């Protein structure tokens, strides 16, 4: 890289993805402070932004074959986030998902939960943001960007669009209940 070239880890797309990822994580960590309407209304605005920022991130090659983002999210952290969302959504947490991997072997949709999908995305993004923030050098930061882009493509991106559909139904079929 030439001295006058900006490192991809400080590009606008990278910084904006990190920013939205942190905003998403903080929002879910404070979800218990929200009522159902506030939670659903806000998350429905965050999810498309998160999708856009991840989609705009260029694909990078992981430079270290043995690279994996650090696991900052403990099982307890995950369960707290999931349980808080479940409590907010109550009986509206469940939805039928036809785009799950298990669906290949089933003729009927699979029952899943909004809370679990949002917590899965939270885990990916929190580990990404914390690894990126604590990276000692640009090489590790670039590996982290490459990893989150791959994970978006093959894992959490699909969960995001699936759960967004379910949240849309909650938001707009219960409008009079809010």
C-alpha atoms as a PDB file:
ATOM      1  CA  UNK A   1       0.000   0.000   0.000  1.00  0.00           C
ATOM      2  CA  UNK A   2       1.314   3.449  -0.917  1.00  0.00           C
ATOM      3  CA  UNK A   3       1.621   6.062   1.770  1.00  0.00           C
ATOM      4  CA  UNK A   4      -1.152   8.171   0.247  1.00  0.00           C
ATOM      5  CA  UNK A   5      -3.618   5.272   0.051  1.00  0.00           C
ATOM      6  CA  UNK A   6      -6.114   4.817   2.833  1.00  0.00           C
ATOM      7  CA  UNK A   7      -6.172   1.420   4.500  1.00  0.00           C
ATOM      8  CA  UNK A   8      -9.412  -0.512   3.826  1.00  0.00           C
ATOM      9  CA  UNK A   9      -9.895  -0.948   7.573  1.00  0.00           C
ATOM     10  CA  UNK A  10     -10.479   2.810   7.836  1.00  0.00           C
ATOM     11  CA  UNK A  11     -12.668   3.076   4.759  1.00  0.00           C
ATOM     12  CA  UNK A  12     -16.080   4.669   5.012  1.00  0.00           C
ATOM     13  CA  UNK A  13     -17.822   1.311   4.436  1.00  0.00           C
ATOM     14  CA  UNK A  14     -15.833  -0.406   7.195  1.00  0.00           C
ATOM     15  CA  UNK A  15     -16.329   2.370   9.749  1.00  0.00           C
ATOM     16  CA  UNK A  16     -20.054   2.635   8.991  1.00  0.00           C
ATOM     17  CA  UNK A  17     -20.539  -1.124   9.401  1.00  0.00           C
ATOM     18  CA  UNK A  18     -18.724  -1.071  12.727  1.00  0.00           C
ATOM     19  CA  UNK A  19     -20.811   1.912  13.841  1.00  0.00           C
ATOM     20  CA  UNK A  20     -24.142   0.305  12.978  1.00  0.00           C
ATOM     21  CA  UNK A  21     -23.032  -3.035  14.465  1.00  0.00           C
ATOM     22  CA  UNK A  22     -22.206  -1.320  17.762  1.00  0.00           C
ATOM     23  CA  UNK A  23     -25.514   0.571  17.697  1.00  0.00           C
ATOM     24  CA  UNK A  24     -27.389  -2.710  17.126  1.00  0.00           C
ATOM     25  CA  UNK A  25     -25.560  -4.444  19.984  1.00  0.00           C
ATOM     26  CA  UNK A  26     -26.090  -1.592  22.436  1.00  0.00           C
ATOM     27  CA  UNK A  27     -29.774  -1.446  21.508  1.00  0.00           C
ATOM     28  CA  UNK A  28     -30.223  -5.176  22.198  1.00  0.00           C
ATOM     29  CA  UNK A  29     -28.260  -4.951  25.447  1.00  0.00           C
ATOM     30  CA  UNK A  30     -30.706  -2.263  26.602  1.00  0.00           C
ATOM     31  CA  UNK A  31     -33.815  -3.898  25.138  1.00  0.00           C
ATOM     32  CA  UNK A  32     -35.343  -4.544  28.564  1.00  0.00           C
ATOM     33  CA  UNK A  33     -35.829  -0.767  28.887  1.00  0.00           C
ATOM     34  CA  UNK A  34     -38.207  -0.751  25.896  1.00  0.00           C
ATOM     35  CA  UNK A  35     -41.830  -1.686  25.465  1.00  0.00           C
ATOM     36  CA  UNK A  36     -42.878  -3.874  22.543  1.00  0.00           C
ATOM     37  CA  UNK A  37     -43.740  -0.990  20.225  1.00  0.00           C
ATOM     38  CA  UNK A  38     -40.478   0.901  20.869  1.00  0.00           C
ATOM     39  CA  UNK A  39     -38.431  -2.245  20.481  1.00  0.00           C
ATOM     40  CA  UNK A  40     -40.057  -3.481  17.259  1.00  0.00           C
ATOM     41  CA  UNK A  41     -40.258  -0.043  15.697  1.00  0.00           C
ATOM     42  CA  UNK A  42     -36.562   0.666  16.318  1.00  0.00           C
ATOM     43  CA  UNK A  43     -35.230  -2.771  15.370  1.00  0.00           C
ATOM     44  CA  UNK A  44     -37.138  -2.576  12.085  1.00  0.00           C
ATOM     45  CA  UNK A  45     -35.132   0.554  11.299  1.00  0.00           C
ATOM     46  CA  UNK A  46     -31.793  -0.871  12.415  1.00  0.00           C
ATOM     47  CA  UNK A  47     -31.997  -4.154  10.494  1.00  0.00           C
ATOM     48  CA  UNK A  48     -32.194  -2.700   6.962  1.00  0.00           C
ATOM     49  CA  UNK A  49     -29.375  -0.286   7.787  1.00  0.00           C
ATOM     50  CA  UNK A  50     -27.265  -3.141   9.077  1.00  0.00           C
ATOM     51  CA  UNK A  51     -28.008  -5.188   5.954  1.00  0.00           C
ATOM     52  CA  UNK A  52     -27.091  -2.261   3.703  1.00  0.00           C
ATOM     53  CA  UNK A  53     -23.814  -1.558   5.482  1.00  0.00           C
ATOM     54  CA  UNK A  54     -22.793  -5.230   5.386  1.00  0.00           C
ATOM     55  CA  UNK A  55     -23.780  -5.536   1.725  1.00  0.00           C
ATOM     56  CA  UNK A  56     -21.715  -2.462   0.801  1.00  0.00           C
ATOM     57  CA  UNK A  57     -18.594  -3.822   2.479  1.00  0.00           C
ATOM     58  CA  UNK A  58     -16.234  -5.199  -0.167  1.00  0.00           C
ATOM     59  CA  UNK A  59     -15.181  -8.820   0.040  1.00  0.00           C
ATOM     60  CA  UNK A  60     -11.708  -9.234   1.486  1.00  0.00           C
ATOM     61  CA  UNK A  61      -9.576 -12.329   1.687  1.00  0.00           C
ATOM     62  CA  UNK A  62      -8.716 -13.637   5.131  1.00  0.00           C
ATOM     63  CA  UNK A  63      -4.932 -13.487   5.341  1.00  0.00           C
ATOM     64  CA  UNK A  64      -4.513 -15.990   8.155  1.00  0.00           C
ATOM     65  CA  UNK A  65      -6.073 -19.414   7.589  1.00  0.00           C
ATOM     66  CA  UNK A  66      -6.447 -19.984  11.316  1.00  0.00           C
ATOM     67  CA  UNK A  67      -8.198 -16.646  11.965  1.00  0.00           C
ATOM     68  CA  UNK A  68     -11.402 -16.616  13.994  1.00  0.00           C
ATOM     69  CA  UNK A  69     -12.849 -13.556  15.722  1.00  0.00           C
ATOM     70  CA  UNK A  70     -12.503 -13.669  19.479  1.00  0.00           C
ATOM     71  CA  UNK A  71     -15.585 -14.843  21.347  1.00  0.00           C
ATOM     72  CA  UNK A  72     -16.529 -11.881  23.517  1.00  0.00           C
ATOM     73  CA  UNK A  73     -20.158 -12.944  23.894  1.00  0.00           C
ATOM     74  CA  UNK A  74     -20.531 -15.498  26.648  1.00  0.00           C
ATOM     75  CA  UNK A  75     -23.391 -17.963  26.850  1.00  0.00           C
ATOM     76  CA  UNK A  76     -24.818 -15.859  29.690  1.00  0.00           C
ATOM     77  CA  UNK A  77     -24.638 -12.658  27.587  1.00  0.00           C
ATOM     78  CA  UNK A  78     -26.376 -14.404  24.718  1.00  0.00           C
ATOM     79  CA  UNK A  79     -29.104 -15.847  26.951  1.00  0.00           C
ATOM     80  CA  UNK A  80     -29.771 -12.499  28.622  1.00  0.00           C
ATOM     81  CA  UNK A  81     -30.191 -10.754  25.261  1.00  0.00           C
ATOM     82  CA  UNK A  82     -32.394 -13.548  23.933  1.00  0.00           C
ATOM     83  CA  UNK A  83     -34.539 -13.702  27.091  1.00  0.00           C
ATOM     84  CA  UNK A  84     -35.050  -9.925  27.166  1.00  0.00           C
ATOM     85  CA  UNK A  85     -36.264  -9.933  23.566  1.00  0.00           C
ATOM     86  CA  UNK A  86     -38.476 -12.949  24.245  1.00  0.00           C
ATOM     87  CA  UNK A  87     -40.037 -11.155  27.230  1.00  0.00           C
ATOM     88  CA  UNK A  88     -40.746  -8.063  25.151  1.00  0.00           C
ATOM     89  CA  UNK A  89     -42.325  -9.991  22.290  1.00  0.00           C
ATOM     90  CA  UNK A  90     -44.212 -12.507  24.420  1.00  0.00           C
ATOM     91  CA  UNK A  91     -46.511 -14.661  22.312  1.00  0.00           C
ATOM     92  CA  UNK A  92     -45.332 -12.915  19.119  1.00  0.00           C
ATOM     93  CA  UNK A  93     -41.780 -14.305  19.398  1.00  0.00           C
ATOM     94  CA  UNK A  94     -42.439 -17.474  17.349  1.00  0.00           C
ATOM     95  CA  UNK A  95     -42.554 -17.518  13.561  1.00  0.00           C
ATOM     96  CA  UNK A  96     -42.414 -20.070  10.762  1.00  0.00           C
ATOM     97  CA  UNK A  97     -39.233 -19.987   8.724  1.00  0.00           C
ATOM     98  CA  UNK A  98     -38.888 -21.640   5.336  1.00  0.00           C
ATOM     99  CA  UNK A  99     -35.303 -20.534   4.698  1.00  0.00           C
ATOM    100  CA  UNK A 100     -33.574 -22.514   7.442  1.00  0.00           C
ATOM    101  CA  UNK A 101     -30.983 -25.156   6.561  1.00  0.00           C
ATOM    102  CA  UNK A 102     -33.179 -27.841   8.170  1.00  0.00           C
ATOM    103  CA  UNK A 103     -35.952 -26.955   5.733  1.00  0.00           C
ATOM    104  CA  UNK A 104     -34.129 -28.927   3.026  1.00  0.00           C
ATOM    105  CA  UNK A 105     -35.207 -32.075   4.845  1.00  0.00           C
ATOM    106  CA  UNK A 106     -38.730 -31.007   5.756  1.00  0.00           C
ATOM    107  CA  UNK A 107     -41.919 -30.433   3.848  1.00  0.00           C
ATOM    108  CA  UNK A 108     -43.247 -27.912   6.326  1.00  0.00           C
ATOM    109  CA  UNK A 109     -41.857 -24.657   7.724  1.00  0.00           C
ATOM    110  CA  UNK A 110     -39.711 -24.766  10.841  1.00  0.00           C
ATOM    111  CA  UNK A 111     -40.807 -22.942  13.997  1.00  0.00           C
ATOM    112  CA  UNK A 112     -38.154 -20.512  15.191  1.00  0.00           C
ATOM    113  CA  UNK A 113     -38.068 -17.357  17.286  1.00  0.00           C
ATOM    114  CA  UNK A 114     -37.357 -13.726  16.633  1.00  0.00           C
ATOM    115  CA  UNK A 115     -35.400 -13.570  19.882  1.00  0.00           C
ATOM    116  CA  UNK A 116     -33.038 -16.379  18.915  1.00  0.00           C
ATOM    117  CA  UNK A 117     -32.388 -14.952  15.460  1.00  0.00           C
ATOM    118  CA  UNK A 118     -31.711 -11.466  16.813  1.00  0.00           C
ATOM    119  CA  UNK A 119     -29.453 -12.908  19.525  1.00  0.00           C
ATOM    120  CA  UNK A 120     -27.545 -14.936  16.901  1.00  0.00           C
ATOM    121  CA  UNK A 121     -26.958 -11.751  14.885  1.00  0.00           C
ATOM    122  CA  UNK A 122     -25.992  -9.955  18.096  1.00  0.00           C
ATOM    123  CA  UNK A 123     -23.386 -12.602  18.877  1.00  0.00           C
ATOM    124  CA  UNK A 124     -21.800 -12.329  15.412  1.00  0.00           C
ATOM    125  CA  UNK A 125     -21.767  -8.527  15.469  1.00  0.00           C
ATOM    126  CA  UNK A 126     -20.565  -8.116  19.046  1.00  0.00           C
ATOM    127  CA  UNK A 127     -17.678 -10.521  18.456  1.00  0.00           C
ATOM    128  CA  UNK A 128     -16.869  -8.669  15.225  1.00  0.00           C
ATOM    129  CA  UNK A 129     -16.991  -5.183  16.746  1.00  0.00           C
ATOM    130  CA  UNK A 130     -14.962  -6.122  19.808  1.00  0.00           C
ATOM    131  CA  UNK A 131     -12.340  -8.023  17.791  1.00  0.00           C
ATOM    132  CA  UNK A 132     -12.073  -5.082  15.392  1.00  0.00           C
ATOM    133  CA  UNK A 133     -11.786  -2.565  18.236  1.00  0.00           C
ATOM    134  CA  UNK A 134      -9.166  -4.567  20.125  1.00  0.00           C
ATOM    135  CA  UNK A 135      -7.108  -5.613  17.107  1.00  0.00           C
ATOM    136  CA  UNK A 136      -3.445  -4.771  17.628  1.00  0.00           C
ATOM    137  CA  UNK A 137      -2.840  -4.161  13.925  1.00  0.00           C
ATOM    138  CA  UNK A 138      -4.499  -3.555  10.565  1.00  0.00           C
ATOM    139  CA  UNK A 139      -3.925  -7.134   9.437  1.00  0.00           C
ATOM    140  CA  UNK A 140      -6.181  -8.479  12.196  1.00  0.00           C
ATOM    141  CA  UNK A 141      -8.715  -5.730  11.514  1.00  0.00           C
ATOM    142  CA  UNK A 142      -8.792  -6.698   7.829  1.00  0.00           C
ATOM    143  CA  UNK A 143      -9.218 -10.373   8.738  1.00  0.00           C
ATOM    144  CA  UNK A 144     -12.116  -9.346  10.965  1.00  0.00           C
ATOM    145  CA  UNK A 145     -13.757  -7.443   8.104  1.00  0.00           C
ATOM    146  CA  UNK A 146     -13.270 -10.411   5.761  1.00  0.00           C
ATOM    147  CA  UNK A 147     -14.772 -12.745   8.337  1.00  0.00           C
ATOM    148  CA  UNK A 148     -17.876 -10.644   9.031  1.00  0.00           C
ATOM    149  CA  UNK A 149     -18.531 -10.274   5.306  1.00  0.00           C
ATOM    150  CA  UNK A 150     -18.326 -14.070   4.856  1.00  0.00           C
ATOM    151  CA  UNK A 151     -20.539 -14.624   7.898  1.00  0.00           C
ATOM    152  CA  UNK A 152     -23.032 -12.105   6.496  1.00  0.00           C
ATOM    153  CA  UNK A 153     -23.133 -13.930   3.182  1.00  0.00           C
ATOM    154  CA  UNK A 154     -23.483 -17.412   4.619  1.00  0.00           C
ATOM    155  CA  UNK A 155     -25.170 -16.963   7.998  1.00  0.00           C
ATOM    156  CA  UNK A 156     -26.487 -13.850   9.648  1.00  0.00           C
ATOM    157  CA  UNK A 157     -27.589 -12.011   6.498  1.00  0.00           C
ATOM    158  CA  UNK A 158     -30.265 -14.633   5.837  1.00  0.00           C
ATOM    159  CA  UNK A 159     -31.321 -14.597   9.487  1.00  0.00           C
ATOM    160  CA  UNK A 160     -31.638 -10.833   9.314  1.00  0.00           C
ATOM    161  CA  UNK A 161     -34.012 -10.817   6.342  1.00  0.00           C
ATOM    162  CA  UNK A 162     -36.052 -13.705   7.756  1.00  0.00           C
ATOM    163  CA  UNK A 163     -36.522 -12.066  11.141  1.00  0.00           C
ATOM    164  CA  UNK A 164     -37.273  -8.723   9.539  1.00  0.00           C
ATOM    165  CA  UNK A 165     -40.281 -10.292   7.806  1.00  0.00           C
ATOM    166  CA  UNK A 166     -41.529 -11.670  11.126  1.00  0.00           C
ATOM    167  CA  UNK A 167     -40.991  -8.336  12.897  1.00  0.00           C
ATOM    168  CA  UNK A 168     -42.819  -6.520  10.115  1.00  0.00           C
ATOM    169  CA  UNK A 169     -45.818  -8.736  10.799  1.00  0.00           C
ATOM    170  CA  UNK A 170     -45.644  -8.024  14.530  1.00  0.00           C
ATOM    171  CA  UNK A 171     -45.361  -4.279  13.956  1.00  0.00           C
ATOM    172  CA  UNK A 172     -48.106  -3.877  11.412  1.00  0.00           C
ATOM    173  CA  UNK A 173     -50.649  -6.507  12.440  1.00  0.00           C
ATOM    174  CA  UNK A 174     -50.702  -5.223  16.003  1.00  0.00           C
ATOM    175  CA  UNK A 175     -50.658  -1.536  15.166  1.00  0.00           C
ATOM    176  CA  UNK A 176     -53.948  -0.963  16.961  1.00  0.00           C
ATOM    177  CA  UNK A 177     -52.663  -2.887  20.000  1.00  0.00           C
ATOM    178  CA  UNK A 178     -49.665  -0.607  20.469  1.00  0.00           C
END
